[in-house]
C-alpha cells in the first residue's frame, strides 16, 4: 500500500492462508511485454516498473509485483491494487473530454491527464498535440495502457471503448465482437429454458 492506492486486495505472506503464489499472469509474456515497453518515452519512469526481476530459479516477475517468498509459508504477499489515484484522474480527464472537448493546457481534462504524466516524469501533452476530442480520447486510452499494465484494467478499457479488435490484432491475436462477452452459464440457460426471454450471448451455442 501507498498514498496513491485507494483500494487494494491485501495479503500477508507470513500468515498461513493469507499469502499467494506467482501465477502465470505475473510472469514473462515476451510478445506483449516488448510491444508495451517500446511505447514508453525515454523519460517515463513507469517503464522501470515493468522490467522483469528474478525471484528464484522458477520465477521472473515484473518489478511492480516483485516480492520474495516467505521462508515459512513459501508464499508472497504483494497486494493487488484495484483503484489508484491515477485511475481517478484519468477517469476525470476522460469524462470531461466526453462532455465537451477543451484542449487548453489548464483545462480540467488536460490538467488531470498531465498530472498523471508529470508524476511519471513523462512529457506533458499540449493543445497542439491533442487538438480535437478524438485525439484526446485516444491519448487517455493510451495513458491508461501505460499507467496500469498488469493491473487488470486493459481488457475492460478496450471493450468499453470498442477498440479491442484493433488492439488485440497488434499483438498477434484475432478476436471478434463475440469475444467481448463470456457465455452465460449453461445451468442458467437450461433453468430458464426460453431462448426468447433468456438467449445465450452471441457466438455461443
Foldseek 3Di string as FASTA:
>chain_A
DDPFFPDWAWADQVDPPRFAADDPLFADDPLVLVVLLVPADPQFQLSQQQDWDDQDPVGTGGNVQDFHHDPPRRGGTDIQGDDGNLNVLLVQLLVVLVVPNDQQCPDSNQVSLVVLCVVRRHDGDHCVQVVHSVSSNVSSLVVCSSPQPSNPPNLVSCLVVVNVQVVQVVSPDHDDNLVSDDWDDPVVCVVVVDCVVDNIRPPDD
